[in-house]
């Protein structure tokens, strides 16, 4: 397993990821001052974003069911727990965008190669009421 995002297991096949991009930034509040540079006050961690990029070969390896599950997770708007394949917990993330690009379309309109890009933003741990339903969905 490369990553686990909610109930979606990202492996080498059928649903894989070959590139991960991460960015994070702190937040600062600017204090207006007359005639000088505005001093900046650190107010906490800012936005943390991640993009998982992969390629599916649905005609030979599958992956369409996992792509549908990913779409359902995005539409739900619920935070998903992310874990890296070595067991490192990455916390809770929301899926903000799923971009697919199909190439070499077959007779039924399904691409023989589908590039997938999943955009995530770090989220707070869900409230206790919804936490159980999210964790139950992982089992």
C-alpha atoms as a PDB file:
ATOM      1  CA  UNK A   1       0.000   0.000   0.000  1.00  0.00           C
ATOM      2  CA  UNK A   2       1.274   3.458  -0.911  1.00  0.00           C
ATOM      3  CA  UNK A   3      -1.414   5.509   0.879  1.00  0.00           C
ATOM      4  CA  UNK A   4      -4.771   4.971   2.516  1.00  0.00           C
ATOM      5  CA  UNK A   5      -7.269   7.811   2.120  1.00  0.00           C
ATOM      6  CA  UNK A   6     -10.427   7.038   4.067  1.00  0.00           C
ATOM      7  CA  UNK A   7     -11.694   3.716   2.735  1.00  0.00           C
ATOM      8  CA  UNK A   8      -9.675   4.058  -0.498  1.00  0.00           C
ATOM      9  CA  UNK A   9      -6.525   1.963  -0.551  1.00  0.00           C
ATOM     10  CA  UNK A  10      -3.985   3.431  -2.966  1.00  0.00           C
ATOM     11  CA  UNK A  11      -1.684   0.648  -4.140  1.00  0.00           C
ATOM     12  CA  UNK A  12       0.479  -0.062  -7.149  1.00  0.00           C
ATOM     13  CA  UNK A  13      -2.524  -1.670  -8.865  1.00  0.00           C
ATOM     14  CA  UNK A  14      -5.329  -1.075  -9.643  1.00  0.00           C
ATOM     15  CA  UNK A  15      -5.342   2.479  -8.176  1.00  0.00           C
ATOM     16  CA  UNK A  16      -1.900   4.002  -7.876  1.00  0.00           C
ATOM     17  CA  UNK A  17      -0.084   7.233  -7.121  1.00  0.00           C
ATOM     18  CA  UNK A  18       3.286   8.023  -8.647  1.00  0.00           C
ATOM     19  CA  UNK A  19       3.736  11.605  -7.450  1.00  0.00           C
ATOM     20  CA  UNK A  20       2.972  13.519  -4.244  1.00  0.00           C
ATOM     21  CA  UNK A  21       3.214  17.294  -3.882  1.00  0.00           C
ATOM     22  CA  UNK A  22       2.910  18.987  -0.478  1.00  0.00           C
ATOM     23  CA  UNK A  23       2.867  22.639   0.532  1.00  0.00           C
ATOM     24  CA  UNK A  24       2.286  24.378   3.825  1.00  0.00           C
ATOM     25  CA  UNK A  25       2.521  27.926   5.070  1.00  0.00           C
ATOM     26  CA  UNK A  26       2.293  29.833   8.337  1.00  0.00           C
ATOM     27  CA  UNK A  27      -0.210  32.635   8.944  1.00  0.00           C
ATOM     28  CA  UNK A  28       0.860  36.106  10.026  1.00  0.00           C
ATOM     29  CA  UNK A  29      -1.146  39.159  11.092  1.00  0.00           C
ATOM     30  CA  UNK A  30       0.245  42.484   9.873  1.00  0.00           C
ATOM     31  CA  UNK A  31       0.266  45.316  12.433  1.00  0.00           C
ATOM     32  CA  UNK A  32      -0.083  48.727  10.770  1.00  0.00           C
ATOM     33  CA  UNK A  33       2.647  51.177  11.813  1.00  0.00           C
ATOM     34  CA  UNK A  34       3.189  54.721  10.572  1.00  0.00           C
ATOM     35  CA  UNK A  35       6.410  55.258   8.631  1.00  0.00           C
ATOM     36  CA  UNK A  36       7.890  51.766   9.012  1.00  0.00           C
ATOM     37  CA  UNK A  37       7.577  48.189   7.827  1.00  0.00           C
ATOM     38  CA  UNK A  38       4.537  46.474   9.227  1.00  0.00           C
ATOM     39  CA  UNK A  39       5.605  44.039  11.940  1.00  0.00           C
ATOM     40  CA  UNK A  40       4.229  40.545  11.422  1.00  0.00           C
ATOM     41  CA  UNK A  41       2.832  38.481  14.262  1.00  0.00           C
ATOM     42  CA  UNK A  42       2.798  34.713  13.882  1.00  0.00           C
ATOM     43  CA  UNK A  43      -0.787  33.547  14.481  1.00  0.00           C
ATOM     44  CA  UNK A  44      -0.477  29.847  13.758  1.00  0.00           C
ATOM     45  CA  UNK A  45      -0.208  27.246  11.091  1.00  0.00           C
ATOM     46  CA  UNK A  46      -1.746  28.211   7.784  1.00  0.00           C
ATOM     47  CA  UNK A  47      -3.083  26.098   4.972  1.00  0.00           C
ATOM     48  CA  UNK A  48      -1.532  22.684   4.298  1.00  0.00           C
ATOM     49  CA  UNK A  49      -2.193  21.258   0.865  1.00  0.00           C
ATOM     50  CA  UNK A  50      -1.315  17.994  -0.841  1.00  0.00           C
ATOM     51  CA  UNK A  51      -1.763  16.656  -4.340  1.00  0.00           C
ATOM     52  CA  UNK A  52      -1.655  12.944  -5.126  1.00  0.00           C
ATOM     53  CA  UNK A  53      -1.136  12.192  -8.821  1.00  0.00           C
ATOM     54  CA  UNK A  54      -1.458   8.784 -10.399  1.00  0.00           C
ATOM     55  CA  UNK A  55      -2.238   6.877 -13.535  1.00  0.00           C
ATOM     56  CA  UNK A  56      -4.845   4.156 -14.016  1.00  0.00           C
ATOM     57  CA  UNK A  57      -4.974   1.504 -16.704  1.00  0.00           C
ATOM     58  CA  UNK A  58      -8.606   0.376 -16.363  1.00  0.00           C
ATOM     59  CA  UNK A  59      -8.690  -2.023 -19.310  1.00  0.00           C
ATOM     60  CA  UNK A  60      -5.777  -4.102 -18.023  1.00  0.00           C
ATOM     61  CA  UNK A  61      -5.487  -3.391 -14.275  1.00  0.00           C
ATOM     62  CA  UNK A  62      -8.869  -1.927 -13.272  1.00  0.00           C
ATOM     63  CA  UNK A  63      -9.326   1.078 -11.004  1.00  0.00           C
ATOM     64  CA  UNK A  64     -12.707   2.426 -12.123  1.00  0.00           C
ATOM     65  CA  UNK A  65     -14.441   1.227  -8.936  1.00  0.00           C
ATOM     66  CA  UNK A  66     -11.819   3.004  -6.836  1.00  0.00           C
ATOM     67  CA  UNK A  67     -12.246   6.147  -8.942  1.00  0.00           C
ATOM     68  CA  UNK A  68     -16.005   6.038  -8.267  1.00  0.00           C
ATOM     69  CA  UNK A  69     -15.349   5.621  -4.523  1.00  0.00           C
ATOM     70  CA  UNK A  70     -13.040   8.647  -4.648  1.00  0.00           C
ATOM     71  CA  UNK A  71     -15.776  10.683  -6.315  1.00  0.00           C
ATOM     72  CA  UNK A  72     -18.272   9.666  -3.615  1.00  0.00           C
ATOM     73  CA  UNK A  73     -15.796  10.671  -0.907  1.00  0.00           C
ATOM     74  CA  UNK A  74     -15.303  14.085  -2.571  1.00  0.00           C
ATOM     75  CA  UNK A  75     -19.041  14.679  -2.949  1.00  0.00           C
ATOM     76  CA  UNK A  76     -19.658  13.814   0.727  1.00  0.00           C
ATOM     77  CA  UNK A  77     -17.469  16.730   1.818  1.00  0.00           C
ATOM     78  CA  UNK A  78     -16.396  14.780   4.899  1.00  0.00           C
ATOM     79  CA  UNK A  79     -12.788  14.763   6.081  1.00  0.00           C
ATOM     80  CA  UNK A  80     -10.896  11.564   5.302  1.00  0.00           C
ATOM     81  CA  UNK A  81      -8.070  10.062   7.330  1.00  0.00           C
ATOM     82  CA  UNK A  82      -4.806   9.794   5.385  1.00  0.00           C
ATOM     83  CA  UNK A  83      -2.065   7.302   6.208  1.00  0.00           C
ATOM     84  CA  UNK A  84       1.153   6.769   4.309  1.00  0.00           C
ATOM     85  CA  UNK A  85       2.126   3.229   3.335  1.00  0.00           C
ATOM     86  CA  UNK A  86       4.849   2.978   5.983  1.00  0.00           C
ATOM     87  CA  UNK A  87       2.195   3.483   8.682  1.00  0.00           C
ATOM     88  CA  UNK A  88       2.846   7.188   9.257  1.00  0.00           C
ATOM     89  CA  UNK A  89      -0.451   8.917  10.106  1.00  0.00           C
ATOM     90  CA  UNK A  90      -0.926  12.112   8.092  1.00  0.00           C
ATOM     91  CA  UNK A  91      -4.114  13.319   9.787  1.00  0.00           C
ATOM     92  CA  UNK A  92      -7.490  14.396   8.449  1.00  0.00           C
ATOM     93  CA  UNK A  93      -7.874  15.888   4.978  1.00  0.00           C
ATOM     94  CA  UNK A  94     -10.762  17.036   2.792  1.00  0.00           C
ATOM     95  CA  UNK A  95     -10.829  16.303  -0.918  1.00  0.00           C
ATOM     96  CA  UNK A  96     -11.183  19.621  -2.721  1.00  0.00           C
ATOM     97  CA  UNK A  97     -10.736  18.479  -6.300  1.00  0.00           C
ATOM     98  CA  UNK A  98     -10.435  15.308  -8.345  1.00  0.00           C
ATOM     99  CA  UNK A  99      -9.179  15.876 -11.867  1.00  0.00           C
ATOM    100  CA  UNK A 100      -9.140  13.058 -14.429  1.00  0.00           C
ATOM    101  CA  UNK A 101      -7.792  12.989 -17.960  1.00  0.00           C
ATOM    102  CA  UNK A 102      -8.584   9.997 -20.181  1.00  0.00           C
ATOM    103  CA  UNK A 103      -6.440   9.095 -23.170  1.00  0.00           C
ATOM    104  CA  UNK A 104      -6.622   6.394 -25.837  1.00  0.00           C
ATOM    105  CA  UNK A 105     -10.386   5.953 -25.604  1.00  0.00           C
ATOM    106  CA  UNK A 106     -11.688   2.464 -26.193  1.00  0.00           C
ATOM    107  CA  UNK A 107     -14.859   1.447 -28.047  1.00  0.00           C
ATOM    108  CA  UNK A 108     -17.087   2.218 -25.039  1.00  0.00           C
ATOM    109  CA  UNK A 109     -15.523   5.611 -24.297  1.00  0.00           C
ATOM    110  CA  UNK A 110     -13.312   4.561 -21.387  1.00  0.00           C
ATOM    111  CA  UNK A 111      -9.722   5.646 -21.608  1.00  0.00           C
ATOM    112  CA  UNK A 112      -7.058   2.974 -21.691  1.00  0.00           C
ATOM    113  CA  UNK A 113      -4.976   5.389 -19.619  1.00  0.00           C
ATOM    114  CA  UNK A 114      -6.529   7.755 -17.057  1.00  0.00           C
ATOM    115  CA  UNK A 115      -4.411  10.346 -15.257  1.00  0.00           C
ATOM    116  CA  UNK A 116      -5.845  11.233 -11.839  1.00  0.00           C
ATOM    117  CA  UNK A 117      -4.970  14.189  -9.637  1.00  0.00           C
ATOM    118  CA  UNK A 118      -6.419  14.417  -6.102  1.00  0.00           C
ATOM    119  CA  UNK A 119      -6.190  17.791  -4.323  1.00  0.00           C
ATOM    120  CA  UNK A 120      -6.411  17.744  -0.526  1.00  0.00           C
ATOM    121  CA  UNK A 121      -6.464  20.384   2.220  1.00  0.00           C
ATOM    122  CA  UNK A 122      -5.687  19.505   5.828  1.00  0.00           C
ATOM    123  CA  UNK A 123      -8.781  19.613   8.031  1.00  0.00           C
ATOM    124  CA  UNK A 124      -9.597  19.467  11.711  1.00  0.00           C
ATOM    125  CA  UNK A 125     -10.501  16.168  13.291  1.00  0.00           C
ATOM    126  CA  UNK A 126     -14.247  15.640  12.785  1.00  0.00           C
ATOM    127  CA  UNK A 127     -16.684  16.220  15.638  1.00  0.00           C
ATOM    128  CA  UNK A 128     -17.402  13.261  17.921  1.00  0.00           C
ATOM    129  CA  UNK A 129     -20.845  12.686  16.355  1.00  0.00           C
ATOM    130  CA  UNK A 130     -19.487  12.165  12.849  1.00  0.00           C
ATOM    131  CA  UNK A 131     -16.167  10.614  13.930  1.00  0.00           C
ATOM    132  CA  UNK A 132     -17.736   7.195  14.584  1.00  0.00           C
ATOM    133  CA  UNK A 133     -19.481   7.058  11.200  1.00  0.00           C
ATOM    134  CA  UNK A 134     -16.251   7.996   9.406  1.00  0.00           C
ATOM    135  CA  UNK A 135     -14.178   5.431  11.281  1.00  0.00           C
ATOM    136  CA  UNK A 136     -16.872   2.755  10.789  1.00  0.00           C
ATOM    137  CA  UNK A 137     -16.635   3.428   7.048  1.00  0.00           C
ATOM    138  CA  UNK A 138     -12.924   2.592   7.165  1.00  0.00           C
ATOM    139  CA  UNK A 139     -13.574  -0.905   8.572  1.00  0.00           C
END
